[in-house]
């Protein structure tokens, strides 16, 4: 999702909606990855 948003931004497209979604989703996925690494 992040790479797709970066690609769209490079193409000059409006990515405000995607950025908002990434900002709300990222903390939960980062926590899940961190917890999986602790196992």
PDB file of N, CA and C in Angstrom:
ATOM      1  N   UNK A   1       0.830  -1.178   0.000  1.00  0.00           N
ATOM      2  CA  UNK A   1       0.000   0.000   0.000  1.00  0.00           C
ATOM      3  C   UNK A   1       0.884   1.255   0.000  1.00  0.00           C
ATOM      4  N   UNK A   2       1.928   1.223   0.796  1.00  0.00           N
ATOM      5  CA  UNK A   2       2.821   2.376   0.876  1.00  0.00           C
ATOM      6  C   UNK A   2       3.555   2.603  -0.438  1.00  0.00           C
ATOM      7  N   UNK A   3       4.037   1.514  -1.045  1.00  0.00           N
ATOM      8  CA  UNK A   3       4.751   1.645  -2.321  1.00  0.00           C
ATOM      9  C   UNK A   3       3.823   2.146  -3.425  1.00  0.00           C
ATOM     10  N   UNK A   4       2.585   1.681  -3.425  1.00  0.00           N
ATOM     11  CA  UNK A   4       1.614   2.142  -4.421  1.00  0.00           C
ATOM     12  C   UNK A   4       1.349   3.634  -4.250  1.00  0.00           C
ATOM     13  N   UNK A   5       1.240   4.069  -3.011  1.00  0.00           N
ATOM     14  CA  UNK A   5       1.019   5.485  -2.731  1.00  0.00           C
ATOM     15  C   UNK A   5       2.217   6.315  -3.184  1.00  0.00           C
ATOM     16  N   UNK A   6       3.420   5.812  -2.929  1.00  0.00           N
ATOM     17  CA  UNK A   6       4.624   6.533  -3.354  1.00  0.00           C
ATOM     18  C   UNK A   6       4.689   6.631  -4.873  1.00  0.00           C
ATOM     19  N   UNK A   7       4.317   5.557  -5.557  1.00  0.00           N
ATOM     20  CA  UNK A   7       4.317   5.565  -7.022  1.00  0.00           C
ATOM     21  C   UNK A   7       3.322   6.596  -7.548  1.00  0.00           C
ATOM     22  N   UNK A   8       2.112   6.615  -6.965  1.00  0.00           N
ATOM     23  CA  UNK A   8       1.101   7.587  -7.388  1.00  0.00           C
ATOM     24  C   UNK A   8       1.584   9.014  -7.147  1.00  0.00           C
ATOM     25  N   UNK A   9       2.254   9.234  -6.015  1.00  0.00           N
ATOM     26  CA  UNK A   9       2.777  10.561  -5.710  1.00  0.00           C
ATOM     27  C   UNK A   9       3.826  10.972  -6.735  1.00  0.00           C
ATOM     28  N   UNK A  10       4.690  10.040  -7.133  1.00  0.00           N
ATOM     29  CA  UNK A  10       5.688  10.325  -8.170  1.00  0.00           C
ATOM     30  C   UNK A  10       5.044  10.657  -9.505  1.00  0.00           C
ATOM     31  N   UNK A  11       3.868  10.090  -9.760  1.00  0.00           N
ATOM     32  CA  UNK A  11       3.152  10.347 -11.000  1.00  0.00           C
ATOM     33  C   UNK A  11       2.376  11.668 -10.960  1.00  0.00           C
ATOM     34  N   UNK A  12       2.406  12.332  -9.800  1.00  0.00           N
ATOM     35  CA  UNK A  12       1.726  13.612  -9.664  1.00  0.00           C
ATOM     36  C   UNK A  12       0.251  13.488  -9.327  1.00  0.00           C
ATOM     37  N   UNK A  13      -0.157  12.312  -8.885  1.00  0.00           N
ATOM     38  CA  UNK A  13      -1.565  12.081  -8.564  1.00  0.00           C
ATOM     39  C   UNK A  13      -1.865  12.499  -7.126  1.00  0.00           C
ATOM     40  N   UNK A  14      -3.138  12.734  -6.850  1.00  0.00           N
ATOM     41  CA  UNK A  14      -3.586  13.109  -5.509  1.00  0.00           C
ATOM     42  C   UNK A  14      -3.630  11.855  -4.634  1.00  0.00           C
ATOM     43  N   UNK A  15      -2.877  11.854  -3.550  1.00  0.00           N
ATOM     44  CA  UNK A  15      -2.780  10.670  -2.697  1.00  0.00           C
ATOM     45  C   UNK A  15      -3.219  10.961  -1.259  1.00  0.00           C
ATOM     46  N   UNK A  16      -3.958  12.016  -1.054  1.00  0.00           N
ATOM     47  CA  UNK A  16      -4.353  12.373   0.310  1.00  0.00           C
ATOM     48  C   UNK A  16      -5.162  11.286   0.993  1.00  0.00           C
ATOM     49  N   UNK A  17      -6.076  10.650   0.280  1.00  0.00           N
ATOM     50  CA  UNK A  17      -6.888   9.588   0.867  1.00  0.00           C
ATOM     51  C   UNK A  17      -6.022   8.388   1.237  1.00  0.00           C
ATOM     52  N   UNK A  18      -5.127   7.986   0.334  1.00  0.00           N
ATOM     53  CA  UNK A  18      -4.254   6.851   0.603  1.00  0.00           C
ATOM     54  C   UNK A  18      -3.331   7.125   1.788  1.00  0.00           C
ATOM     55  N   UNK A  19      -2.818   8.342   1.878  1.00  0.00           N
ATOM     56  CA  UNK A  19      -1.944   8.695   2.993  1.00  0.00           C
ATOM     57  C   UNK A  19      -2.702   8.594   4.312  1.00  0.00           C
ATOM     58  N   UNK A  20      -3.938   9.041   4.337  1.00  0.00           N
ATOM     59  CA  UNK A  20      -4.742   8.939   5.555  1.00  0.00           C
ATOM     60  C   UNK A  20      -4.968   7.486   5.946  1.00  0.00           C
ATOM     61  N   UNK A  21      -5.239   6.631   4.965  1.00  0.00           N
ATOM     62  CA  UNK A  21      -5.448   5.212   5.261  1.00  0.00           C
ATOM     63  C   UNK A  21      -4.174   4.572   5.792  1.00  0.00           C
ATOM     64  N   UNK A  22      -3.047   4.898   5.195  1.00  0.00           N
ATOM     65  CA  UNK A  22      -1.771   4.337   5.642  1.00  0.00           C
ATOM     66  C   UNK A  22      -1.463   4.793   7.065  1.00  0.00           C
ATOM     67  N   UNK A  23      -1.711   6.058   7.358  1.00  0.00           N
ATOM     68  CA  UNK A  23      -1.422   6.576   8.688  1.00  0.00           C
ATOM     69  C   UNK A  23      -2.272   5.899   9.756  1.00  0.00           C
ATOM     70  N   UNK A  24      -3.485   5.503   9.430  1.00  0.00           N
ATOM     71  CA  UNK A  24      -4.325   4.836  10.423  1.00  0.00           C
ATOM     72  C   UNK A  24      -4.025   3.348  10.516  1.00  0.00           C
ATOM     73  N   UNK A  25      -3.525   2.732   9.460  1.00  0.00           N
ATOM     74  CA  UNK A  25      -3.265   1.293   9.421  1.00  0.00           C
ATOM     75  C   UNK A  25      -1.868   0.933   9.911  1.00  0.00           C
ATOM     76  N   UNK A  26      -0.914   1.771   9.671  1.00  0.00           N
ATOM     77  CA  UNK A  26       0.497   1.467   9.941  1.00  0.00           C
ATOM     78  C   UNK A  26       0.804   1.117  11.397  1.00  0.00           C
ATOM     79  N   UNK A  27       0.299   1.846  12.393  1.00  0.00           N
ATOM     80  CA  UNK A  27       0.647   1.476  13.779  1.00  0.00           C
ATOM     81  C   UNK A  27       0.213   0.062  14.157  1.00  0.00           C
ATOM     82  N   UNK A  28      -0.940  -0.374  13.699  1.00  0.00           N
ATOM     83  CA  UNK A  28      -1.406  -1.712  14.062  1.00  0.00           C
ATOM     84  C   UNK A  28      -0.573  -2.793  13.392  1.00  0.00           C
ATOM     85  N   UNK A  29      -0.195  -2.613  12.140  1.00  0.00           N
ATOM     86  CA  UNK A  29       0.613  -3.623  11.458  1.00  0.00           C
ATOM     87  C   UNK A  29       2.034  -3.636  12.017  1.00  0.00           C
ATOM     88  N   UNK A  30       2.566  -2.483  12.391  1.00  0.00           N
ATOM     89  CA  UNK A  30       3.902  -2.433  12.989  1.00  0.00           C
ATOM     90  C   UNK A  30       3.925  -3.166  14.325  1.00  0.00           C
ATOM     91  N   UNK A  31       2.878  -3.014  15.101  1.00  0.00           N
ATOM     92  CA  UNK A  31       2.790  -3.702  16.386  1.00  0.00           C
ATOM     93  C   UNK A  31       2.683  -5.209  16.181  1.00  0.00           C
ATOM     94  N   UNK A  32       1.901  -5.651  15.211  1.00  0.00           N
ATOM     95  CA  UNK A  32       1.758  -7.081  14.937  1.00  0.00           C
ATOM     96  C   UNK A  32       3.086  -7.689  14.488  1.00  0.00           C
ATOM     97  N   UNK A  33       3.822  -6.981  13.667  1.00  0.00           N
ATOM     98  CA  UNK A  33       5.126  -7.475  13.207  1.00  0.00           C
ATOM     99  C   UNK A  33       6.102  -7.549  14.376  1.00  0.00           C
ATOM    100  N   UNK A  34       6.086  -6.545  15.230  1.00  0.00           N
ATOM    101  CA  UNK A  34       6.977  -6.534  16.388  1.00  0.00           C
ATOM    102  C   UNK A  34       6.666  -7.684  17.338  1.00  0.00           C
ATOM    103  N   UNK A  35       5.389  -7.937  17.573  1.00  0.00           N
ATOM    104  CA  UNK A  35       5.000  -9.034  18.459  1.00  0.00           C
ATOM    105  C   UNK A  35       5.348 -10.383  17.849  1.00  0.00           C
ATOM    106  N   UNK A  36       5.231 -10.518  16.554  1.00  0.00           N
ATOM    107  CA  UNK A  36       5.583 -11.773  15.890  1.00  0.00           C
ATOM    108  C   UNK A  36       7.082 -12.030  15.999  1.00  0.00           C
ATOM    109  N   UNK A  37       7.871 -10.979  15.981  1.00  0.00           N
ATOM    110  CA  UNK A  37       9.315 -11.131  16.106  1.00  0.00           C
ATOM    111  C   UNK A  37       9.747 -11.525  17.510  1.00  0.00           C
ATOM    112  N   UNK A  38       8.921 -11.219  18.504  1.00  0.00           N
ATOM    113  CA  UNK A  38       9.242 -11.560  19.887  1.00  0.00           C
ATOM    114  C   UNK A  38       8.981 -13.024  20.204  1.00  0.00           C
ATOM    115  N   UNK A  39       8.257 -13.705  19.362  1.00  0.00           N
ATOM    116  CA  UNK A  39       7.896 -15.103  19.642  1.00  0.00           C
ATOM    117  C   UNK A  39       9.020 -16.035  19.396  1.00  0.00           C
TER     118      UNK A  39
END
